[in-house]
Amino acid sequence: MAELKPLKVLALSSQGREPDLSCVYQRLGQLVDLELRELDKNEQRNLRRYLSAVDLGRYDRLLLDLHFKNIHRQTAFLRQVPG
């Protein structure tokens, strides 16, 4: 029987996020192979530039926990991102 690999997830969150969701990410990290990155405002506003330096092929899923206004402005780009 083949061994199941844990899902590899890249989570992008805001620096200094309120409310603090560290306990949520801690629990999620117990269930999947989680890499959490906290982005500053400039990185959130230009996800294309930020993600161009990330090997997205290493991840099965991309989880965005960012301000809606920053995600909404970049939906055309985000539709093209795998995961």
Protein backbone atom coordinates (compact mmCIF):
# COMPACT_ATOMS: atom_id res chain seq x y z
CA MET A 1 0.00 0.00 0.00
CA ALA A 2 1.36 3.42 -0.95
CA GLU A 3 2.16 5.85 1.84
CA LEU A 4 0.07 9.02 1.78
CA LYS A 5 2.02 12.23 1.68
CA PRO A 6 0.70 15.13 3.74
CA LEU A 7 -0.72 18.00 1.74
CA LYS A 8 1.86 20.77 1.29
CA VAL A 9 0.26 24.17 1.92
CA LEU A 10 1.73 27.65 1.59
CA ALA A 11 -0.25 30.10 3.72
CA LEU A 12 0.17 33.83 3.18
CA SER A 13 -0.98 36.03 6.04
CA SER A 14 -0.65 39.67 7.05
CA GLN A 15 2.05 40.83 9.44
CA GLY A 16 0.51 41.85 12.74
CA ARG A 17 -2.81 40.30 11.79
CA GLU A 18 -5.68 40.95 14.18
CA PRO A 19 -7.23 38.78 15.41
CA ASP A 20 -4.23 36.55 16.00
CA LEU A 21 -4.82 33.21 14.29
CA SER A 22 -1.58 31.54 15.36
CA CYS A 23 -3.49 28.77 17.17
CA VAL A 24 -5.40 28.03 13.94
CA TYR A 25 -2.16 27.80 11.96
CA GLN A 26 -0.56 25.69 14.68
CA ARG A 27 -3.42 23.16 14.47
CA LEU A 28 -3.44 23.25 10.67
CA GLY A 29 0.30 22.56 10.74
CA GLN A 30 -0.43 19.35 12.66
CA LEU A 31 -2.72 18.17 9.87
CA VAL A 32 -0.77 19.26 6.78
CA ASP A 33 2.78 20.22 5.85
CA LEU A 34 2.29 23.97 6.37
CA GLU A 35 4.60 26.85 5.55
CA LEU A 36 3.31 30.15 6.91
CA ARG A 37 4.66 33.41 5.53
CA GLU A 38 3.67 36.81 6.89
CA LEU A 39 3.62 39.54 4.27
CA ASP A 40 3.99 43.27 4.80
CA LYS A 41 1.65 45.73 3.09
CA ASN A 42 3.81 46.17 -0.02
CA GLU A 43 4.14 42.41 -0.52
CA GLN A 44 0.37 42.00 -0.16
CA ARG A 45 -0.29 44.72 -2.72
CA ASN A 46 1.98 43.09 -5.30
CA LEU A 47 1.52 39.34 -5.03
CA ARG A 48 2.78 38.84 -8.57
CA ARG A 49 6.22 40.15 -7.58
CA TYR A 50 6.23 38.29 -4.27
CA LEU A 51 5.13 34.95 -5.71
CA SER A 52 7.54 35.18 -8.64
CA ALA A 53 10.33 34.40 -6.15
CA VAL A 54 8.45 31.37 -4.74
CA ASP A 55 8.57 27.89 -6.27
CA LEU A 56 4.84 27.21 -6.23
CA GLY A 57 5.42 23.76 -7.68
CA ARG A 58 6.51 22.66 -4.20
CA TYR A 59 3.00 23.20 -2.83
CA ASP A 60 -0.34 21.48 -3.37
CA ARG A 61 -2.38 24.44 -2.14
CA LEU A 62 -2.03 28.18 -1.63
CA LEU A 63 -4.00 29.66 1.27
CA LEU A 64 -4.52 33.43 1.26
CA ASP A 65 -5.34 35.02 4.61
CA LEU A 66 -4.93 38.60 3.44
CA HIS A 67 -7.06 41.72 3.40
CA PHE A 68 -9.87 41.37 0.87
CA LYS A 69 -9.00 44.64 -0.86
CA ASN A 70 -5.52 43.29 -1.67
CA ILE A 71 -6.86 40.01 -2.99
CA HIS A 72 -9.73 41.57 -4.96
CA ARG A 73 -7.42 43.90 -6.90
CA GLN A 74 -5.31 40.96 -8.06
CA THR A 75 -7.93 38.37 -8.99
CA ALA A 76 -6.90 38.21 -12.66
CA PHE A 77 -3.37 37.22 -11.63
CA LEU A 78 -4.51 34.91 -8.82
CA ARG A 79 -6.73 32.91 -11.22
CA GLN A 80 -3.56 31.86 -13.03
CA VAL A 81 -1.76 30.66 -9.88
CA PRO A 82 -1.82 26.88 -9.40
CA GLY A 83 -3.19 25.46 -6.16
